[in-house]
Amino acid sequence: MVKFIVFCEMTPEFLRLPLEERQSWIPKWTEIAKKYGIKTLFQGNPMGIREHTVFAFETIGNGNEYFMFQREWLALGTPDAVKYIKNTRTITVY
């Protein structure tokens, strides 16, 4: 089992969205994680750091599925990359 603590710095475009619309993205991202066998343990708002939100994910696999999930979640390699999430920091926990 591998867990990932992911801190996300959101873009100004995301932060300008109405609260309800920002909140609607969390279930969408959770569904993408499920597609790769990744469970979202929690989402919260960290304090005292530049990132706006934090997620904890868990996978039973060896962790490779997290990297496939991350490509889709962050839309890497597409024109939508960094549209809403500017930067992430990930802590891997074994």
C-alpha atoms as a PDB file:
ATOM      1  CA  MET A   1       0.000   0.000   0.000  1.00  0.00           C
ATOM      2  CA  VAL A   2       1.284   3.439  -0.948  1.00  0.00           C
ATOM      3  CA  LYS A   3      -0.128   6.786   0.165  1.00  0.00           C
ATOM      4  CA  PHE A   4       0.420  10.175  -1.406  1.00  0.00           C
ATOM      5  CA  ILE A   5       0.012  13.534   0.302  1.00  0.00           C
ATOM      6  CA  VAL A   6      -0.382  16.117  -2.449  1.00  0.00           C
ATOM      7  CA  PHE A   7      -0.265  19.871  -1.917  1.00  0.00           C
ATOM      8  CA  CYS A   8      -1.806  21.881  -4.780  1.00  0.00           C
ATOM      9  CA  GLU A   9      -1.208  25.498  -5.668  1.00  0.00           C
ATOM     10  CA  MET A  10      -4.248  26.627  -7.618  1.00  0.00           C
ATOM     11  CA  THR A  11      -4.215  29.089 -10.522  1.00  0.00           C
ATOM     12  CA  PRO A  12      -5.756  32.570 -10.305  1.00  0.00           C
ATOM     13  CA  GLU A  13      -8.348  31.347 -12.831  1.00  0.00           C
ATOM     14  CA  PHE A  14      -9.445  28.600 -10.424  1.00  0.00           C
ATOM     15  CA  LEU A  15      -9.480  30.956  -7.425  1.00  0.00           C
ATOM     16  CA  ARG A  16     -11.770  33.384  -9.309  1.00  0.00           C
ATOM     17  CA  LEU A  17     -14.421  30.676  -9.811  1.00  0.00           C
ATOM     18  CA  PRO A  18     -17.469  30.839  -7.521  1.00  0.00           C
ATOM     19  CA  LEU A  19     -17.099  28.647  -4.422  1.00  0.00           C
ATOM     20  CA  GLU A  20     -19.758  26.188  -5.613  1.00  0.00           C
ATOM     21  CA  GLU A  21     -17.924  25.648  -8.893  1.00  0.00           C
ATOM     22  CA  ARG A  22     -14.567  25.163  -7.141  1.00  0.00           C
ATOM     23  CA  GLN A  23     -16.170  22.603  -4.829  1.00  0.00           C
ATOM     24  CA  SER A  24     -17.641  20.746  -7.818  1.00  0.00           C
ATOM     25  CA  TRP A  25     -14.151  19.841  -9.049  1.00  0.00           C
ATOM     26  CA  ILE A  26     -13.327  17.685  -6.000  1.00  0.00           C
ATOM     27  CA  PRO A  27     -15.767  14.861  -6.902  1.00  0.00           C
ATOM     28  CA  LYS A  28     -14.544  14.972 -10.535  1.00  0.00           C
ATOM     29  CA  TRP A  29     -10.929  14.526  -9.425  1.00  0.00           C
ATOM     30  CA  THR A  30     -11.980  11.730  -7.047  1.00  0.00           C
ATOM     31  CA  GLU A  31     -13.668   9.918  -9.942  1.00  0.00           C
ATOM     32  CA  ILE A  32     -10.493  10.134 -12.011  1.00  0.00           C
ATOM     33  CA  ALA A  33      -8.550   8.649  -9.076  1.00  0.00           C
ATOM     34  CA  LYS A  34     -11.019   5.754  -8.788  1.00  0.00           C
ATOM     35  CA  LYS A  35     -10.438   4.947 -12.448  1.00  0.00           C
ATOM     36  CA  TYR A  36      -6.827   4.104 -11.525  1.00  0.00           C
ATOM     37  CA  GLY A  37      -7.678   2.204  -8.346  1.00  0.00           C
ATOM     38  CA  ILE A  38      -6.737   5.144  -6.135  1.00  0.00           C
ATOM     39  CA  LYS A  39      -8.804   6.076  -3.111  1.00  0.00           C
ATOM     40  CA  THR A  40      -9.095   9.708  -2.011  1.00  0.00           C
ATOM     41  CA  LEU A  41      -8.676   9.621   1.765  1.00  0.00           C
ATOM     42  CA  PHE A  42      -9.298  13.317   2.379  1.00  0.00           C
ATOM     43  CA  GLN A  43      -9.088  16.809   0.963  1.00  0.00           C
ATOM     44  CA  GLY A  44      -8.421  19.873   3.082  1.00  0.00           C
ATOM     45  CA  ASN A  45      -6.997  23.365   3.250  1.00  0.00           C
ATOM     46  CA  PRO A  46      -3.453  23.646   4.614  1.00  0.00           C
ATOM     47  CA  MET A  47      -2.367  26.677   6.593  1.00  0.00           C
ATOM     48  CA  GLY A  48       0.958  28.506   6.585  1.00  0.00           C
ATOM     49  CA  ILE A  49       2.116  27.366   3.142  1.00  0.00           C
ATOM     50  CA  ARG A  50       1.580  28.745  -0.365  1.00  0.00           C
ATOM     51  CA  GLU A  51      -0.548  25.830  -1.580  1.00  0.00           C
ATOM     52  CA  HIS A  52      -4.321  26.194  -1.423  1.00  0.00           C
ATOM     53  CA  THR A  53      -5.440  22.613  -0.937  1.00  0.00           C
ATOM     54  CA  VAL A  54      -4.104  19.226   0.129  1.00  0.00           C
ATOM     55  CA  PHE A  55      -5.203  15.715  -0.823  1.00  0.00           C
ATOM     56  CA  ALA A  56      -4.315  12.319   0.579  1.00  0.00           C
ATOM     57  CA  PHE A  57      -4.557   9.416  -1.852  1.00  0.00           C
ATOM     58  CA  GLU A  58      -4.033   5.702  -1.292  1.00  0.00           C
ATOM     59  CA  THR A  59      -3.346   2.837  -3.669  1.00  0.00           C
ATOM     60  CA  ILE A  60      -2.897  -0.856  -3.055  1.00  0.00           C
ATOM     61  CA  GLY A  61      -0.528  -1.143  -6.029  1.00  0.00           C
ATOM     62  CA  ASN A  62       3.124  -0.211  -6.238  1.00  0.00           C
ATOM     63  CA  GLY A  63       2.517   3.477  -6.898  1.00  0.00           C
ATOM     64  CA  ASN A  64       2.816   3.457 -10.690  1.00  0.00           C
ATOM     65  CA  GLU A  65      -0.929   3.967 -11.029  1.00  0.00           C
ATOM     66  CA  TYR A  66      -0.561   7.288  -9.185  1.00  0.00           C
ATOM     67  CA  PHE A  67       1.620   8.642 -11.991  1.00  0.00           C
ATOM     68  CA  MET A  68      -0.907   7.589 -14.638  1.00  0.00           C
ATOM     69  CA  PHE A  69      -3.673   9.201 -12.553  1.00  0.00           C
ATOM     70  CA  GLN A  70      -1.614  12.383 -12.133  1.00  0.00           C
ATOM     71  CA  ARG A  71      -1.181  12.749 -15.904  1.00  0.00           C
ATOM     72  CA  GLU A  72      -4.955  12.683 -16.409  1.00  0.00           C
ATOM     73  CA  TRP A  73      -5.828  14.665 -13.263  1.00  0.00           C
ATOM     74  CA  LEU A  74      -3.472  17.513 -14.160  1.00  0.00           C
ATOM     75  CA  ALA A  75      -4.220  17.198 -17.903  1.00  0.00           C
ATOM     76  CA  LEU A  76      -0.482  16.904 -18.574  1.00  0.00           C
ATOM     77  CA  GLY A  77       0.359  16.973 -22.259  1.00  0.00           C
ATOM     78  CA  THR A  78      -2.894  18.741 -23.163  1.00  0.00           C
ATOM     79  CA  PRO A  79      -3.825  22.424 -23.660  1.00  0.00           C
ATOM     80  CA  ASP A  80      -5.672  22.282 -20.296  1.00  0.00           C
ATOM     81  CA  ALA A  81      -2.487  21.556 -18.317  1.00  0.00           C
ATOM     82  CA  VAL A  82      -2.068  24.079 -15.470  1.00  0.00           C
ATOM     83  CA  LYS A  83      -5.506  25.568 -16.181  1.00  0.00           C
ATOM     84  CA  TYR A  84      -6.619  25.152 -12.566  1.00  0.00           C
ATOM     85  CA  ILE A  85      -3.711  23.521 -10.725  1.00  0.00           C
ATOM     86  CA  LYS A  86      -0.521  25.526 -11.123  1.00  0.00           C
ATOM     87  CA  ASN A  87       1.846  23.331  -9.143  1.00  0.00           C
ATOM     88  CA  THR A  88       1.850  20.240  -6.927  1.00  0.00           C
ATOM     89  CA  ARG A  89       4.154  18.820  -4.280  1.00  0.00           C
ATOM     90  CA  THR A  90       3.811  15.143  -3.456  1.00  0.00           C
ATOM     91  CA  ILE A  91       4.994  13.255  -0.395  1.00  0.00           C
ATOM     92  CA  THR A  92       5.016   9.497  -0.916  1.00  0.00           C
ATOM     93  CA  VAL A  93       4.401   7.381   2.198  1.00  0.00           C
ATOM     94  CA  TYR A  94       5.102   3.614   2.270  1.00  0.00           C
END
